[in-house]
């Protein structure tokens, strides 16, 4: 856990656990960031009338840079 230590004495998974079970209640940043990305993706894939403006703008930008054969004529 500390910089000068080359071999961790406690598994990182244990350090994420709450104090009550012997951990330090550390924040798992990788899991947190993955959860945020999944939330963004779920919001982007929402095709209802409640779709947010940033998702619509993202569609426009993707369409603008996609190769011509990727833009089917509707």
N, C-alpha and C. Protein backbone atom coordinates (compact mmCIF):
# COMPACT_ATOMS: atom_id res chain seq x y z
N UNK A 1 0.82 -1.19 0.00
CA UNK A 1 0.00 0.00 0.00
C UNK A 1 0.86 1.26 0.00
N UNK A 2 1.98 1.22 0.68
CA UNK A 2 2.84 2.40 0.75
C UNK A 2 3.92 2.33 -0.31
N UNK A 3 4.44 3.48 -0.72
CA UNK A 3 5.43 3.56 -1.80
C UNK A 3 6.68 2.74 -1.53
N UNK A 4 7.20 2.79 -0.32
CA UNK A 4 8.46 2.10 -0.04
C UNK A 4 8.30 0.58 0.08
N UNK A 5 7.07 0.10 0.12
CA UNK A 5 6.83 -1.33 0.22
C UNK A 5 6.80 -1.96 -1.17
N UNK A 6 7.59 -3.00 -1.38
CA UNK A 6 7.60 -3.68 -2.67
C UNK A 6 6.60 -4.84 -2.70
N UNK A 7 6.32 -5.42 -1.54
CA UNK A 7 5.36 -6.52 -1.44
C UNK A 7 4.22 -6.09 -0.51
N UNK A 8 3.03 -5.99 -1.04
CA UNK A 8 1.92 -5.60 -0.17
C UNK A 8 1.65 -6.66 0.90
N UNK A 9 1.40 -6.20 2.11
CA UNK A 9 1.14 -7.11 3.23
C UNK A 9 -0.33 -7.50 3.29
N UNK A 10 -1.21 -6.64 2.75
CA UNK A 10 -2.65 -6.89 2.76
C UNK A 10 -3.15 -6.78 1.32
N UNK A 11 -4.00 -7.69 0.93
CA UNK A 11 -4.54 -7.66 -0.43
C UNK A 11 -5.39 -6.41 -0.63
N UNK A 12 -5.30 -5.84 -1.81
CA UNK A 12 -6.04 -4.63 -2.12
C UNK A 12 -7.54 -4.85 -1.96
N UNK A 13 -8.01 -6.04 -2.32
CA UNK A 13 -9.43 -6.37 -2.17
C UNK A 13 -9.86 -6.24 -0.72
N UNK A 14 -8.98 -6.62 0.20
CA UNK A 14 -9.28 -6.50 1.63
C UNK A 14 -9.34 -5.04 2.05
N UNK A 15 -8.47 -4.22 1.49
CA UNK A 15 -8.46 -2.80 1.86
C UNK A 15 -9.74 -2.09 1.44
N UNK A 16 -10.41 -2.58 0.42
CA UNK A 16 -11.67 -2.00 -0.02
C UNK A 16 -12.82 -2.31 0.93
N UNK A 17 -12.65 -3.33 1.76
CA UNK A 17 -13.72 -3.74 2.67
C UNK A 17 -13.95 -2.69 3.77
N UNK A 18 -15.15 -2.70 4.37
CA UNK A 18 -15.43 -1.76 5.46
C UNK A 18 -14.58 -2.05 6.70
N UNK A 19 -14.48 -1.06 7.57
CA UNK A 19 -13.69 -1.20 8.80
C UNK A 19 -14.15 -2.39 9.64
N UNK A 20 -15.45 -2.62 9.65
CA UNK A 20 -16.02 -3.68 10.50
C UNK A 20 -15.47 -5.06 10.17
N UNK A 21 -15.03 -5.27 8.94
CA UNK A 21 -14.50 -6.58 8.56
C UNK A 21 -12.99 -6.54 8.31
N UNK A 22 -12.32 -5.51 8.82
CA UNK A 22 -10.87 -5.46 8.76
C UNK A 22 -10.27 -4.67 7.61
N UNK A 23 -11.08 -4.01 6.82
CA UNK A 23 -10.56 -3.22 5.71
C UNK A 23 -10.36 -1.76 6.09
N UNK A 24 -9.95 -0.97 5.12
CA UNK A 24 -9.77 0.47 5.34
C UNK A 24 -10.86 1.29 4.65
N UNK A 25 -11.84 0.60 4.06
CA UNK A 25 -12.95 1.27 3.38
C UNK A 25 -12.46 2.19 2.25
N UNK A 26 -11.40 1.72 1.55
CA UNK A 26 -10.86 2.49 0.43
C UNK A 26 -11.83 2.48 -0.74
N UNK A 27 -11.82 3.56 -1.51
CA UNK A 27 -12.66 3.66 -2.69
C UNK A 27 -12.01 2.90 -3.84
N UNK A 28 -12.75 1.99 -4.46
CA UNK A 28 -12.26 1.24 -5.61
C UNK A 28 -12.49 2.10 -6.85
N UNK A 29 -11.48 2.85 -7.25
CA UNK A 29 -11.62 3.80 -8.35
C UNK A 29 -11.91 3.12 -9.68
N UNK A 30 -11.32 1.96 -9.93
CA UNK A 30 -11.58 1.26 -11.19
C UNK A 30 -13.04 0.86 -11.29
N UNK A 31 -13.58 0.31 -10.20
CA UNK A 31 -14.99 -0.10 -10.20
C UNK A 31 -15.90 1.12 -10.31
N UNK A 32 -15.54 2.21 -9.64
CA UNK A 32 -16.34 3.43 -9.69
C UNK A 32 -16.36 4.01 -11.10
N UNK A 33 -15.20 4.09 -11.74
CA UNK A 33 -15.14 4.64 -13.09
C UNK A 33 -15.90 3.77 -14.08
N UNK A 34 -15.84 2.45 -13.91
CA UNK A 34 -16.57 1.56 -14.79
C UNK A 34 -18.08 1.76 -14.62
N UNK A 35 -18.52 1.96 -13.38
CA UNK A 35 -19.94 2.20 -13.12
C UNK A 35 -20.39 3.51 -13.76
N UNK A 36 -19.55 4.53 -13.73
CA UNK A 36 -19.88 5.81 -14.36
C UNK A 36 -19.99 5.63 -15.87
N UNK A 37 -19.06 4.91 -16.48
CA UNK A 37 -19.11 4.67 -17.93
C UNK A 37 -20.38 3.91 -18.32
N UNK A 38 -20.77 2.94 -17.51
CA UNK A 38 -21.99 2.17 -17.80
C UNK A 38 -23.21 3.08 -17.70
N UNK A 39 -23.22 3.97 -16.72
CA UNK A 39 -24.33 4.92 -16.58
C UNK A 39 -24.42 5.84 -17.79
N UNK A 40 -23.26 6.34 -18.25
CA UNK A 40 -23.25 7.20 -19.44
C UNK A 40 -23.76 6.43 -20.66
N UNK A 41 -23.31 5.19 -20.81
CA UNK A 41 -23.73 4.38 -21.95
C UNK A 41 -25.24 4.13 -21.90
N UNK A 42 -25.77 3.83 -20.72
CA UNK A 42 -27.21 3.60 -20.59
C UNK A 42 -27.98 4.87 -20.98
N UNK A 43 -27.47 6.04 -20.57
CA UNK A 43 -28.11 7.30 -20.92
C UNK A 43 -28.03 7.54 -22.42
N UNK A 44 -26.88 7.25 -23.02
CA UNK A 44 -26.72 7.45 -24.47
C UNK A 44 -27.65 6.54 -25.26
N UNK A 45 -27.83 5.31 -24.81
CA UNK A 45 -28.65 4.34 -25.54
C UNK A 45 -30.15 4.50 -25.30
N UNK A 46 -30.53 5.45 -24.44
CA UNK A 46 -31.94 5.71 -24.19
C UNK A 46 -32.52 6.46 -25.39
N UNK A 47 -33.37 5.80 -26.16
CA UNK A 47 -33.91 6.39 -27.39
C UNK A 47 -35.32 6.94 -27.20
N UNK A 48 -35.73 7.14 -25.95
CA UNK A 48 -37.06 7.69 -25.69
C UNK A 48 -37.05 9.20 -25.93
N UNK A 49 -38.20 9.81 -25.76
CA UNK A 49 -38.31 11.26 -25.93
C UNK A 49 -37.58 12.02 -24.82
N UNK A 50 -37.19 11.33 -23.76
CA UNK A 50 -36.47 11.97 -22.65
C UNK A 50 -34.96 12.00 -22.90
N UNK A 51 -34.52 11.61 -24.08
CA UNK A 51 -33.09 11.55 -24.40
C UNK A 51 -32.44 12.91 -24.21
N UNK A 52 -31.29 12.93 -23.58
CA UNK A 52 -30.61 14.18 -23.28
C UNK A 52 -29.94 14.77 -24.51
N UNK A 53 -29.76 16.09 -24.48
CA UNK A 53 -29.20 16.82 -25.60
C UNK A 53 -27.81 16.33 -25.96
N UNK A 54 -26.96 16.05 -24.96
CA UNK A 54 -25.60 15.63 -25.26
C UNK A 54 -25.59 14.34 -26.07
N UNK A 55 -26.54 13.45 -25.84
CA UNK A 55 -26.60 12.20 -26.59
C UNK A 55 -26.98 12.46 -28.04
N UNK A 56 -27.90 13.39 -28.27
CA UNK A 56 -28.30 13.74 -29.63
C UNK A 56 -27.13 14.39 -30.38
N UNK A 57 -26.41 15.26 -29.70
CA UNK A 57 -25.25 15.92 -30.31
C UNK A 57 -24.16 14.89 -30.63
N UNK A 58 -23.98 13.92 -29.75
CA UNK A 58 -23.01 12.85 -29.99
C UNK A 58 -23.36 12.08 -31.26
N UNK A 59 -24.64 11.79 -31.47
CA UNK A 59 -25.08 11.12 -32.70
C UNK A 59 -24.72 11.94 -33.93
N UNK A 60 -24.95 13.23 -33.87
CA UNK A 60 -24.64 14.12 -35.00
C UNK A 60 -23.15 14.11 -35.29
N UNK A 61 -22.33 14.18 -34.25
CA UNK A 61 -20.88 14.18 -34.43
C UNK A 61 -20.37 12.85 -34.98
N UNK A 62 -20.92 11.76 -34.50
CA UNK A 62 -20.52 10.44 -35.01
C UNK A 62 -20.91 10.31 -36.48
N UNK A 63 -22.11 10.75 -36.83
CA UNK A 63 -22.54 10.70 -38.23
C UNK A 63 -21.65 11.54 -39.12
N UNK A 64 -21.16 12.67 -38.60
CA UNK A 64 -20.34 13.57 -39.40
C UNK A 64 -18.97 12.98 -39.72
N UNK A 65 -18.43 12.15 -38.83
CA UNK A 65 -17.08 11.62 -39.05
C UNK A 65 -17.08 10.18 -39.55
N UNK A 66 -18.25 9.55 -39.61
CA UNK A 66 -18.32 8.17 -40.08
C UNK A 66 -18.01 8.11 -41.57
N UNK A 67 -17.34 7.05 -42.03
CA UNK A 67 -17.09 6.90 -43.47
C UNK A 67 -18.41 6.85 -44.24
N UNK A 68 -18.41 7.27 -45.50
CA UNK A 68 -19.65 7.32 -46.28
C UNK A 68 -20.41 5.99 -46.33
N UNK A 69 -19.70 4.86 -46.40
CA UNK A 69 -20.41 3.59 -46.47
C UNK A 69 -21.05 3.20 -45.15
N UNK A 70 -20.73 3.95 -44.09
CA UNK A 70 -21.32 3.69 -42.78
C UNK A 70 -22.61 4.48 -42.58
N UNK A 71 -22.93 5.39 -43.47
CA UNK A 71 -24.14 6.21 -43.37
C UNK A 71 -25.16 5.73 -44.40
N UNK A 72 -26.01 4.77 -44.03
CA UNK A 72 -27.01 4.29 -45.01
C UNK A 72 -28.04 5.36 -45.32
N UNK A 73 -28.47 5.38 -46.56
CA UNK A 73 -29.50 6.34 -46.98
C UNK A 73 -30.85 5.80 -46.52
N UNK A 74 -31.54 6.60 -45.75
CA UNK A 74 -32.85 6.17 -45.22
C UNK A 74 -33.95 6.69 -46.10
